[in-house]
């Protein structure tokens, strides 16, 4: 019995689970990849929103301040504007500021954070005022009021990287070594990005702490983490169910295979369901058990029916044997009745049957239907003589032409009798044509050659031979040699097939006693 778990074209449960795990892992990978890929545009959006907008605002403010200072020479927004000589001496007070201020090329941002004409720290910008130099001093507190420092910081840096203005005073005076990237400043890690100023020898920069990214991305992170956790929990539950399912299915398959193994040794199947943790498998086993019980009941019923049928067949076979014995007795009685009516042919039919069957075996006929037809055809080949008057059958001399024509009717009479027996068409053919000749000169139908069945030719050649070695009222019996010689010289190729005649001679060599008994 083949193992029920043998692999076929269908996908096995194990293969399905491996594929399920593969797809589950792929799902987790896609979620993680989507999360990471989604972070990039979000962080860029954060950078763009805070960095660009803050730096744009500071640039716009500086452009407006410098433009007003050049055009009007008047301070605005609480700033201070002073006129200096090229030697950096205040033209109004004569105070020399060259020790605090310096420049290489105007306009220039001064890296000195201390305020000159304002309290506290300030941002100082030197620009070309034509015949003098303008000093624009902006209080740092002004920038702190203008730009919020909750989510990001904006810097104004000198060319050496020193922070000269910031919306958070804690960063004032610090120096940044990189223009773009992650840095740690004042105990805070974040992303710094800077752009050069178009008209000043300095930079405007922004610093976005990591907490800003985290605060903004928190909803996205929570959703992504929840999705990953959900996928992980779902996969965990699925793998747990997989293990339960595989274990349960393997238990059921092993139990079924054990039952099938017992079936090879016994005639009955006994299946005991196993309790599993999967209700559907328990229901499946209950269904299998009911199906087997129903099959066993059907098998017992079928067995009883087959036994009854076998008894009926035995009775029919016994009845058939009885009927066959009676038919054989009736046929033998008919043959005996023929011989009683034709006293000159006593024992003729029995000899024809014996020799005809031996000749059939000699030429290799083995079909039971052919052998049965030859047997009964040889036994009853002259049954039609019942319809021939006795004075013709027992006439001591030769028959007249009219009497011979009457005698030639006995094959036709015989066929009519045999045709009434169901299934004896082959026997009827032998009875009708056992006087047909190989060259077509016989009666009643004038058949020739292969038109005459081999069964009929066998009976015909044996019938002629037995008639020659038997005594008749109009001639004495011939010896075996005389009969064969007469048949060889006068009948081969005319009445008989030459090859069949040679086979018949071999039969006579094997069974000479049949001929002696006949003579």
Protein backbone atom coordinates (compact mmCIF):
# COMPACT_ATOMS: atom_id res chain seq x y z
CA UNK A 1 0.00 0.00 0.00
CA UNK A 2 1.40 3.37 -0.97
CA UNK A 3 2.07 5.88 1.82
CA UNK A 4 -0.65 8.50 1.94
CA UNK A 5 2.00 11.14 2.52
CA UNK A 6 3.85 10.35 -0.69
CA UNK A 7 4.46 13.37 -2.85
CA UNK A 8 2.42 13.92 -5.97
CA UNK A 9 1.67 16.81 -8.22
CA UNK A 10 -0.28 18.55 -5.42
CA UNK A 11 1.66 20.75 -3.00
CA UNK A 12 2.28 19.15 0.39
CA UNK A 13 1.29 20.83 3.65
CA UNK A 14 4.96 21.26 4.56
CA UNK A 15 5.66 23.01 1.26
CA UNK A 16 2.66 25.27 1.75
CA UNK A 17 3.89 26.24 5.22
CA UNK A 18 7.41 26.95 3.94
CA UNK A 19 5.91 29.19 1.30
CA UNK A 20 3.73 30.83 3.94
CA UNK A 21 6.79 31.55 6.10
CA UNK A 22 8.64 32.91 3.10
CA UNK A 23 5.78 35.25 2.25
CA UNK A 24 5.48 36.25 5.94
CA UNK A 25 9.18 37.14 6.06
CA UNK A 26 8.79 39.01 2.79
CA UNK A 27 5.87 40.95 4.29
CA UNK A 28 7.97 41.98 7.31
CA UNK A 29 10.83 42.96 5.02
CA UNK A 30 8.49 45.06 2.87
CA UNK A 31 7.11 46.79 5.97
CA UNK A 32 10.60 47.58 7.28
CA UNK A 33 11.77 48.71 3.85
CA UNK A 34 8.66 50.87 3.41
CA UNK A 35 9.25 52.37 6.84
CA UNK A 36 12.88 53.19 6.07
CA UNK A 37 12.12 54.45 2.59
CA UNK A 38 9.27 56.58 3.96
CA UNK A 39 11.59 58.16 6.52
CA UNK A 40 13.76 59.74 3.85
CA UNK A 41 11.18 62.05 2.23
CA UNK A 42 9.76 62.90 5.66
CA UNK A 43 13.13 63.95 7.05
CA UNK A 44 13.81 65.93 3.90
CA UNK A 45 10.46 67.61 4.32
CA UNK A 46 11.34 68.48 7.90
CA UNK A 47 14.71 69.86 6.80
CA UNK A 48 13.08 71.80 4.02
CA UNK A 49 10.40 73.22 6.26
CA UNK A 50 12.57 74.28 9.19
CA UNK A 51 16.02 74.78 7.70
CA UNK A 52 15.04 76.51 4.50
CA UNK A 53 12.26 78.57 5.99
CA UNK A 54 14.32 79.74 8.98
CA UNK A 55 17.35 80.54 6.84
CA UNK A 56 15.17 82.29 4.28
CA UNK A 57 13.61 84.39 7.00
CA UNK A 58 17.01 85.39 8.44
CA UNK A 59 18.35 86.21 4.98
CA UNK A 60 15.33 88.37 4.27
CA UNK A 61 15.77 90.15 7.59
CA UNK A 62 19.49 90.89 6.94
CA UNK A 63 18.77 92.11 3.42
CA UNK A 64 16.10 94.48 4.71
CA UNK A 65 18.34 95.78 7.54
CA UNK A 66 21.34 96.46 5.31
CA UNK A 67 19.18 98.04 2.62
CA UNK A 68 17.55 100.45 5.09
CA UNK A 69 20.91 101.29 6.67
CA UNK A 70 22.50 102.14 3.29
CA UNK A 71 19.53 104.02 1.94
CA UNK A 72 18.49 106.01 5.01
CA UNK A 73 21.36 105.64 7.46
CA UNK A 74 18.70 105.32 10.16
CA UNK A 75 18.36 102.47 12.64
CA UNK A 76 15.28 100.28 12.66
CA UNK A 77 13.88 97.40 14.75
CA UNK A 78 15.89 98.62 17.79
CA UNK A 79 19.25 98.38 16.02
CA UNK A 80 22.19 100.79 16.10
CA UNK A 81 23.86 102.28 12.98
CA UNK A 82 27.20 104.16 13.36
CA UNK A 83 29.46 105.85 10.78
CA UNK A 84 33.12 104.86 10.96
CA UNK A 85 36.23 105.93 9.16
CA UNK A 86 38.28 103.47 7.19
CA UNK A 87 40.44 103.15 10.30
CA UNK A 88 37.30 102.11 12.23
CA UNK A 89 37.11 105.31 14.28
CA UNK A 90 33.60 106.44 15.25
CA UNK A 91 33.10 109.74 13.40
CA UNK A 92 30.59 110.98 15.96
CA UNK A 93 32.54 110.29 19.17
CA UNK A 94 36.08 109.78 17.86
CA UNK A 95 36.34 106.47 19.65
CA UNK A 96 38.79 104.07 17.99
CA UNK A 97 37.09 100.69 17.49
CA UNK A 98 39.85 99.00 15.53
CA UNK A 99 40.77 96.92 18.56
CA UNK A 100 37.29 95.34 18.53
CA UNK A 101 36.45 95.44 14.84
CA UNK A 102 38.37 94.18 11.84
CA UNK A 103 37.66 93.34 8.21
CA UNK A 104 39.42 92.30 5.06
CA UNK A 105 36.76 93.02 2.50
CA UNK A 106 33.41 94.78 2.80
CA UNK A 107 30.75 93.95 3.54
CA UNK A 108 31.84 91.78 6.44
CA UNK A 109 30.37 90.14 9.53
CA UNK A 110 32.42 90.83 12.65
CA UNK A 111 33.04 87.69 14.76
CA UNK A 112 33.15 89.73 18.01
CA UNK A 113 29.98 88.86 20.04
CA UNK A 114 30.18 91.69 22.63
CA UNK A 115 27.90 94.64 22.12
CA UNK A 116 29.44 98.07 21.45
CA UNK A 117 26.51 100.44 21.46
CA UNK A 118 23.84 97.97 22.77
CA UNK A 119 23.64 96.01 25.97
CA UNK A 120 24.64 92.35 25.88
CA UNK A 121 25.74 90.49 22.80
CA UNK A 122 25.11 91.71 19.32
CA UNK A 123 25.68 90.99 15.70
CA UNK A 124 27.90 93.55 13.98
CA UNK A 125 28.00 94.06 10.22
CA UNK A 126 30.39 96.39 8.38
CA UNK A 127 29.24 97.68 4.98
CA UNK A 128 30.53 100.26 2.53
CA UNK A 129 28.70 103.57 3.02
CA UNK A 130 30.55 105.49 0.27
CA UNK A 131 32.83 107.99 2.03
CA UNK A 132 32.64 106.04 5.28
CA UNK A 133 31.95 102.63 6.72
CA UNK A 134 28.59 101.81 8.27
CA UNK A 135 28.48 99.71 11.40
CA UNK A 136 25.13 97.95 11.86
CA UNK A 137 24.74 96.48 15.32
CA UNK A 138 21.76 94.13 15.90
CA UNK A 139 20.90 92.99 19.44
CA UNK A 140 20.78 89.21 19.75
CA UNK A 141 17.58 89.54 21.74
CA UNK A 142 15.94 90.88 18.57
CA UNK A 143 16.65 87.62 16.71
CA UNK A 144 15.41 85.64 19.68
CA UNK A 145 12.09 87.48 19.48
CA UNK A 146 11.79 87.06 15.73
CA UNK A 147 12.59 83.31 15.40
CA UNK A 148 11.17 80.61 17.62
CA UNK A 149 13.69 78.17 19.12
CA UNK A 150 11.25 75.41 20.01
CA UNK A 151 11.77 73.13 16.99
CA UNK A 152 14.96 74.45 15.30
CA UNK A 153 17.75 77.01 15.67
CA UNK A 154 18.99 79.49 13.08
CA UNK A 155 22.53 80.87 13.06
CA UNK A 156 24.40 83.71 11.50
CA UNK A 157 28.06 82.70 11.22
CA UNK A 158 31.19 84.63 10.36
CA UNK A 159 33.46 83.30 7.66
CA UNK A 160 35.52 81.37 10.26
CA UNK A 161 32.43 79.47 11.45
CA UNK A 162 31.87 81.48 14.65
CA UNK A 163 28.22 81.90 15.56
CA UNK A 164 27.62 85.62 15.88
CA UNK A 165 23.82 85.47 16.08
CA UNK A 166 21.37 82.76 17.09
CA UNK A 167 17.78 82.59 18.31
CA UNK A 168 19.15 80.70 21.36
CA UNK A 169 21.80 82.60 23.32
CA UNK A 170 23.39 79.34 24.54
CA UNK A 171 24.87 78.86 21.05
CA UNK A 172 26.31 82.38 20.85
CA UNK A 173 30.06 82.43 20.22
CA UNK A 174 30.38 78.71 19.41
CA UNK A 175 32.23 77.60 16.30
CA UNK A 176 30.93 75.01 13.79
CA UNK A 177 33.51 72.96 11.92
CA UNK A 178 31.17 71.48 9.28
CA UNK A 179 28.80 73.14 6.88
CA UNK A 180 26.32 70.23 6.62
CA UNK A 181 25.79 67.06 8.63
CA UNK A 182 25.09 65.73 12.12
CA UNK A 183 26.92 67.53 14.94
CA UNK A 184 26.67 67.76 18.68
CA UNK A 185 26.31 71.31 20.02
CA UNK A 186 25.79 72.40 23.61
CA UNK A 187 24.89 68.83 24.63
CA UNK A 188 22.34 68.45 21.83
CA UNK A 189 22.73 66.25 18.73
CA UNK A 190 21.13 67.41 15.54
CA UNK A 191 21.46 68.11 11.85
CA UNK A 192 23.19 71.35 10.76
CA UNK A 193 22.88 72.86 7.27
CA UNK A 194 24.35 76.18 6.08
CA UNK A 195 24.25 78.40 3.01
CA UNK A 196 26.64 81.25 2.11
CA UNK A 197 25.27 84.76 2.18
CA UNK A 198 25.22 86.49 -1.18
CA UNK A 199 26.40 89.95 -0.07
CA UNK A 200 28.20 89.18 3.20
CA UNK A 201 31.33 87.22 4.02
CA UNK A 202 29.48 84.74 6.21
CA UNK A 203 26.91 82.01 6.37
CA UNK A 204 23.36 81.49 7.50
CA UNK A 205 22.74 78.06 9.05
CA UNK A 206 20.05 76.02 10.79
CA UNK A 207 20.33 73.34 13.46
CA UNK A 208 17.48 70.82 13.87
CA UNK A 209 17.80 68.67 17.02
CA UNK A 210 16.97 64.97 16.83
CA UNK A 211 14.11 65.56 19.25
CA UNK A 212 12.44 67.66 16.56
CA UNK A 213 12.55 64.75 14.10
CA UNK A 214 11.28 62.42 16.78
CA UNK A 215 8.44 64.75 17.78
CA UNK A 216 7.27 65.26 14.22
CA UNK A 217 7.76 61.63 13.16
CA UNK A 218 6.24 60.16 16.33
CA UNK A 219 2.78 59.43 14.79
CA UNK A 220 4.44 57.86 11.75
CA UNK A 221 6.77 55.83 13.98
CA UNK A 222 3.87 54.68 16.15
CA UNK A 223 1.88 53.56 13.10
CA UNK A 224 4.92 51.80 11.60
CA UNK A 225 5.82 50.09 14.88
CA UNK A 226 2.19 49.08 15.39
CA UNK A 227 2.14 47.59 11.86
CA UNK A 228 5.39 45.71 12.48
CA UNK A 229 4.20 44.46 15.86
CA UNK A 230 0.88 43.44 14.33
CA UNK A 231 2.67 41.58 11.54
CA UNK A 232 5.00 39.93 14.05
CA UNK A 233 2.08 38.86 16.28
CA UNK A 234 0.13 37.62 13.25
CA UNK A 235 3.11 35.63 11.98
CA UNK A 236 3.73 34.23 15.46
CA UNK A 237 0.13 33.08 15.73
CA UNK A 238 0.25 31.73 12.17
CA UNK A 239 3.46 29.78 12.89
CA UNK A 240 1.92 28.45 16.11
CA UNK A 241 -1.14 27.32 14.19
CA UNK A 242 1.13 25.86 11.53
CA UNK A 243 2.90 23.71 14.11
CA UNK A 244 -0.40 22.55 15.55
CA UNK A 245 -1.76 21.80 12.08
CA UNK A 246 1.35 19.93 10.89
CA UNK A 247 1.54 17.89 14.11
CA UNK A 248 -2.19 17.09 13.96
CA UNK A 249 -2.14 16.18 10.25
CA UNK A 250 0.95 13.97 10.70
CA UNK A 251 -0.73 12.19 13.61
CA UNK A 252 -3.85 11.55 11.52
CA UNK A 253 -1.79 10.40 8.50
CA UNK A 254 0.26 8.00 10.66
CA UNK A 255 -2.93 6.60 12.15
CA UNK A 256 -4.48 6.13 8.69
CA UNK A 257 -1.29 4.47 7.37
CA UNK A 258 -1.25 2.08 10.33
CA UNK A 259 -4.86 1.14 9.57
CA UNK A 260 -3.99 0.57 5.92
CA UNK A 261 -1.02 -1.59 6.95
CA UNK A 262 -3.40 -3.75 8.99
CA UNK A 263 -5.65 -3.98 5.95
CA UNK A 264 -2.87 -5.80 4.07
CA UNK A 265 -2.89 -8.49 6.77
CA UNK A 266 -6.63 -8.75 7.46
CA UNK A 267 -9.85 -8.47 5.52
CA UNK A 268 -11.30 -5.70 7.67
CA UNK A 269 -10.25 -2.14 8.46
CA UNK A 270 -10.35 -0.83 12.02
CA UNK A 271 -9.80 2.90 12.49
CA UNK A 272 -9.57 4.47 15.94
CA UNK A 273 -9.65 8.32 15.81
CA UNK A 274 -6.92 10.28 17.60
CA UNK A 275 -7.78 13.36 19.63
CA UNK A 276 -6.02 16.45 18.21
CA UNK A 277 -6.11 20.15 19.08
CA UNK A 278 -7.81 21.00 15.77
CA UNK A 279 -11.57 20.49 15.68
CA UNK A 280 -11.69 20.07 11.91
CA UNK A 281 -9.19 17.18 12.03
CA UNK A 282 -11.27 15.51 14.74
CA UNK A 283 -14.36 15.91 12.56
CA UNK A 284 -12.43 14.53 9.57
CA UNK A 285 -11.42 11.46 11.55
CA UNK A 286 -14.99 10.96 12.74
CA UNK A 287 -16.11 11.11 9.11
CA UNK A 288 -13.42 8.57 8.12
CA UNK A 289 -14.54 6.25 10.90
CA UNK A 290 -18.19 6.50 9.81
CA UNK A 291 -17.18 5.92 6.20
CA UNK A 292 -15.17 2.82 7.14
CA UNK A 293 -18.03 1.47 9.27
CA UNK A 294 -20.41 2.03 6.36
CA UNK A 295 -17.92 0.35 4.04
CA UNK A 296 -17.63 -2.61 6.40
CA UNK A 297 -21.41 -2.96 6.55
CA UNK A 298 -21.60 -2.73 2.76
CA UNK A 299 -18.77 -5.25 2.47
CA UNK A 300 -20.55 -7.75 4.71
CA UNK A 301 -23.76 -7.23 2.76
CA UNK A 302 -21.88 -7.63 -0.51
CA UNK A 303 -20.10 -10.71 0.81
CA UNK A 304 -23.44 -12.28 1.76
CA UNK A 305 -24.85 -11.34 -1.63
CA UNK A 306 -21.81 -12.79 -3.42
CA UNK A 307 -22.12 -15.98 -1.38
CA UNK A 308 -25.79 -16.22 -2.31
CA UNK A 309 -24.91 -15.49 -5.92
CA UNK A 310 -22.18 -18.13 -5.85
CA UNK A 311 -24.67 -20.66 -4.50
CA UNK A 312 -27.05 -19.72 -7.29
CA UNK A 313 -24.24 -20.03 -9.86
CA UNK A 314 -23.33 -23.45 -8.44
CA UNK A 315 -26.94 -24.51 -8.72
CA UNK A 316 -27.11 -23.19 -12.28
CA UNK A 317 -23.87 -24.97 -13.18
CA UNK A 318 -25.20 -28.17 -11.68
CA UNK A 319 -28.45 -27.70 -13.60
CA UNK A 320 -26.44 -26.97 -16.76
CA UNK A 321 -24.37 -30.11 -16.28
CA UNK A 322 -27.56 -32.11 -15.81
CA UNK A 323 -29.13 -30.55 -18.90
CA UNK A 324 -25.91 -31.10 -20.86
CA UNK A 325 -25.86 -34.75 -19.85
CA UNK A 326 -29.50 -35.08 -20.88
CA UNK A 327 -28.80 -33.29 -24.17
CA UNK A 328 -25.88 -35.59 -24.77
CA UNK A 329 -28.12 -38.54 -24.07
CA UNK A 330 -30.79 -37.15 -26.41
CA UNK A 331 -28.21 -36.51 -29.13
CA UNK A 332 -26.78 -39.99 -28.68
CA UNK A 333 -30.31 -41.35 -28.85
CA UNK A 334 -30.90 -39.43 -32.10
CA UNK A 335 -27.67 -40.80 -33.55
CA UNK A 336 -28.64 -44.28 -32.46
CA UNK A 337 -32.10 -43.80 -34.01
CA UNK A 338 -30.44 -42.97 -37.32
CA UNK A 339 -28.30 -46.07 -37.20
CA UNK A 340 -31.33 -48.23 -36.28
CA UNK A 341 -33.17 -46.87 -39.30
CA UNK A 342 -30.11 -47.29 -41.54
CA UNK A 343 -28.88 -50.69 -40.46
CA UNK A 344 -25.93 -50.46 -42.84
CA UNK A 345 -24.28 -47.61 -40.85
CA UNK A 346 -24.17 -49.12 -37.36
CA UNK A 347 -21.30 -47.53 -35.40
CA UNK A 348 -20.46 -45.19 -38.29
CA UNK A 349 -21.15 -41.91 -36.43
CA UNK A 350 -19.06 -42.87 -33.40
CA UNK A 351 -16.06 -43.67 -35.59
CA UNK A 352 -16.47 -40.40 -37.51
CA UNK A 353 -16.54 -38.45 -34.20
CA UNK A 354 -13.36 -40.11 -32.89
CA UNK A 355 -11.30 -39.65 -36.05
CA UNK A 356 -12.65 -36.11 -36.72
CA UNK A 357 -11.59 -34.88 -33.28
CA UNK A 358 -8.12 -36.42 -33.70
CA UNK A 359 -7.74 -34.78 -37.13
CA UNK A 360 -8.81 -31.42 -35.67
CA UNK A 361 -6.12 -31.71 -33.00
CA UNK A 362 -3.56 -32.75 -35.62
CA UNK A 363 -4.02 -29.54 -37.63
CA UNK A 364 -3.95 -27.39 -34.47
CA UNK A 365 -7.59 -26.52 -33.84
CA UNK A 366 -7.96 -25.59 -30.16
CA UNK A 367 -11.03 -23.39 -30.00
CA UNK A 368 -13.58 -25.17 -27.76
CA UNK A 369 -16.43 -23.94 -30.00
CA UNK A 370 -14.80 -25.50 -33.08
CA UNK A 371 -14.11 -28.79 -31.32
CA UNK A 372 -17.66 -28.98 -29.95
CA UNK A 373 -19.12 -28.24 -33.42
CA UNK A 374 -16.94 -30.97 -34.96
CA UNK A 375 -17.93 -33.44 -32.24
CA UNK A 376 -21.69 -32.98 -32.61
CA UNK A 377 -21.52 -32.31 -36.36
CA UNK A 378 -19.72 -35.65 -36.83
CA UNK A 379 -22.17 -37.41 -34.53
CA UNK A 380 -25.27 -35.99 -36.26
CA UNK A 381 -24.04 -35.42 -39.80
CA UNK A 382 -26.52 -38.05 -41.14
CA UNK A 383 -29.49 -37.06 -38.93
CA UNK A 384 -31.33 -35.91 -42.02
CA UNK A 385 -31.62 -39.57 -43.12
CA UNK A 386 -34.63 -39.74 -40.78
CA UNK A 387 -36.53 -38.10 -43.62
CA UNK A 388 -35.30 -40.58 -46.25
CA UNK A 389 -37.49 -43.66 -46.94
CA UNK A 390 -36.09 -46.92 -45.55
CA UNK A 391 -36.28 -48.74 -48.87
CA UNK A 392 -33.77 -46.23 -50.24
CA UNK A 393 -31.52 -46.32 -47.17
CA UNK A 394 -31.43 -50.14 -47.06
CA UNK A 395 -31.54 -50.88 -50.80
CA UNK A 396 -28.99 -53.66 -51.50
CA UNK A 397 -28.02 -52.39 -54.94
CA UNK A 398 -27.05 -49.04 -56.35
CA UNK A 399 -29.62 -46.25 -56.21
CA UNK A 400 -31.39 -45.06 -59.29
CA UNK A 401 -30.99 -41.45 -60.33
CA UNK A 402 -34.32 -40.50 -58.77
CA UNK A 403 -33.50 -42.37 -55.57
CA UNK A 404 -30.07 -40.67 -55.44
CA UNK A 405 -31.76 -37.25 -55.76
CA UNK A 406 -33.95 -38.15 -52.79
CA UNK A 407 -30.85 -39.29 -50.84
CA UNK A 408 -29.16 -35.95 -51.59
CA UNK A 409 -31.87 -34.21 -49.57
CA UNK A 410 -30.72 -35.65 -46.25
CA UNK A 411 -28.17 -32.79 -45.56
CA UNK A 412 -30.99 -30.26 -46.01
CA UNK A 413 -33.34 -32.22 -43.74
CA UNK A 414 -30.56 -32.51 -41.16
CA UNK A 415 -29.84 -28.77 -41.20
CA UNK A 416 -33.54 -28.00 -40.60
CA UNK A 417 -33.52 -30.25 -37.55
CA UNK A 418 -30.26 -28.86 -36.11
CA UNK A 419 -31.21 -25.22 -36.76
CA UNK A 420 -33.96 -25.55 -34.18
CA UNK A 421 -31.32 -26.04 -31.46
CA UNK A 422 -30.15 -22.61 -30.17
CA UNK A 423 -26.40 -21.94 -30.52
CA UNK A 424 -25.75 -24.81 -32.95
CA UNK A 425 -25.17 -22.77 -36.12
CA UNK A 426 -21.68 -24.29 -36.59
CA UNK A 427 -23.10 -27.81 -36.19
CA UNK A 428 -25.85 -27.01 -38.72
CA UNK A 429 -23.17 -25.83 -41.19
CA UNK A 430 -21.36 -29.18 -40.91
CA UNK A 431 -24.58 -31.18 -41.27
CA UNK A 432 -25.63 -29.25 -44.41
CA UNK A 433 -22.27 -29.24 -46.20
CA UNK A 434 -20.57 -32.53 -45.28
CA UNK A 435 -21.14 -33.73 -48.89
CA UNK A 436 -19.64 -30.63 -50.55
CA UNK A 437 -16.52 -31.30 -52.66
CA UNK A 438 -13.24 -29.35 -52.75
CA UNK A 439 -13.66 -28.75 -56.51
CA UNK A 440 -17.28 -27.55 -56.19
CA UNK A 441 -19.00 -30.72 -57.55
CA UNK A 442 -20.68 -31.63 -54.25
CA UNK A 443 -24.18 -30.97 -52.92
CA UNK A 444 -26.46 -29.34 -51.88
CA UNK A 445 -24.91 -25.84 -52.50
CA UNK A 446 -21.95 -26.60 -54.79
CA UNK A 447 -19.40 -24.90 -52.52
CA UNK A 448 -15.70 -25.15 -53.32
CA UNK A 449 -12.31 -24.59 -51.69
CA UNK A 450 -12.27 -22.11 -48.82
CA UNK A 451 -16.06 -21.66 -49.13
CA UNK A 452 -16.31 -24.93 -47.25
CA UNK A 453 -15.48 -24.45 -43.55
CA UNK A 454 -12.46 -26.33 -42.21
CA UNK A 455 -14.74 -28.01 -39.65
CA UNK A 456 -16.93 -29.35 -42.46
CA UNK A 457 -13.93 -30.55 -44.51
CA UNK A 458 -12.62 -32.48 -41.47
CA UNK A 459 -15.96 -34.29 -40.97
CA UNK A 460 -16.35 -34.86 -44.72
CA UNK A 461 -12.97 -36.58 -45.24
CA UNK A 462 -13.43 -38.76 -42.14
CA UNK A 463 -17.03 -39.63 -43.21
CA UNK A 464 -15.84 -40.83 -46.62
CA UNK A 465 -12.99 -42.87 -45.14
CA UNK A 466 -15.23 -44.57 -42.56
CA UNK A 467 -17.83 -45.35 -45.26
CA UNK A 468 -15.15 -47.05 -47.38
CA UNK A 469 -13.86 -49.33 -44.60
CA UNK A 470 -17.44 -50.28 -43.59
CA UNK A 471 -19.45 -53.01 -45.33
CA UNK A 472 -22.35 -51.91 -47.51
CA UNK A 473 -25.18 -53.95 -49.16
CA UNK A 474 -23.83 -53.06 -52.56
CA UNK A 475 -20.06 -53.76 -51.79
CA UNK A 476 -17.78 -55.38 -49.24
CA UNK A 477 -15.65 -53.36 -46.74
CA UNK A 478 -12.22 -52.13 -47.90
CA UNK A 479 -9.00 -52.41 -46.00
CA UNK A 480 -7.26 -49.30 -44.68
CA UNK A 481 -4.69 -49.40 -47.46
CA UNK A 482 -7.34 -49.88 -50.16
CA UNK A 483 -9.43 -47.02 -48.83
CA UNK A 484 -6.46 -44.63 -48.65
CA UNK A 485 -5.30 -45.62 -52.13
CA UNK A 486 -8.77 -45.03 -53.58
CA UNK A 487 -9.01 -41.65 -51.84
CA UNK A 488 -5.49 -40.70 -52.97
CA UNK A 489 -6.07 -41.53 -56.63
CA UNK A 490 -9.66 -40.49 -57.13
CA UNK A 491 -10.64 -37.99 -54.44
CA UNK A 492 -7.66 -35.79 -53.44
CA UNK A 493 -7.95 -32.32 -55.02
CA UNK A 494 -11.49 -33.13 -56.16
CA UNK A 495 -13.34 -34.02 -52.99
CA UNK A 496 -10.63 -33.15 -50.45
CA UNK A 497 -7.93 -30.60 -49.77
CA UNK A 498 -4.53 -32.33 -50.38
CA UNK A 499 -2.93 -30.87 -47.23
CA UNK A 500 -5.85 -31.97 -45.08
CA UNK A 501 -5.62 -35.47 -46.55
CA UNK A 502 -1.91 -35.68 -45.61
CA UNK A 503 -2.78 -34.67 -42.06
CA UNK A 504 -5.48 -37.34 -42.00
CA UNK A 505 -2.95 -40.02 -43.03
CA UNK A 506 -0.73 -38.98 -40.09
CA UNK A 507 -3.70 -39.47 -37.78
CA UNK A 508 -4.28 -42.98 -39.14
CA UNK A 509 -0.61 -43.83 -38.51
CA UNK A 510 -1.01 -42.76 -34.88
CA UNK A 511 -4.35 -44.45 -34.28
CA UNK A 512 -4.58 -47.57 -36.51
CA UNK A 513 -6.76 -49.45 -33.99
CA UNK A 514 -9.67 -47.09 -34.69
CA UNK A 515 -9.68 -48.25 -38.29
CA UNK A 516 -9.33 -51.93 -37.36
CA UNK A 517 -12.27 -51.59 -35.02
CA UNK A 518 -14.21 -49.89 -37.78
CA UNK A 519 -13.47 -52.59 -40.35
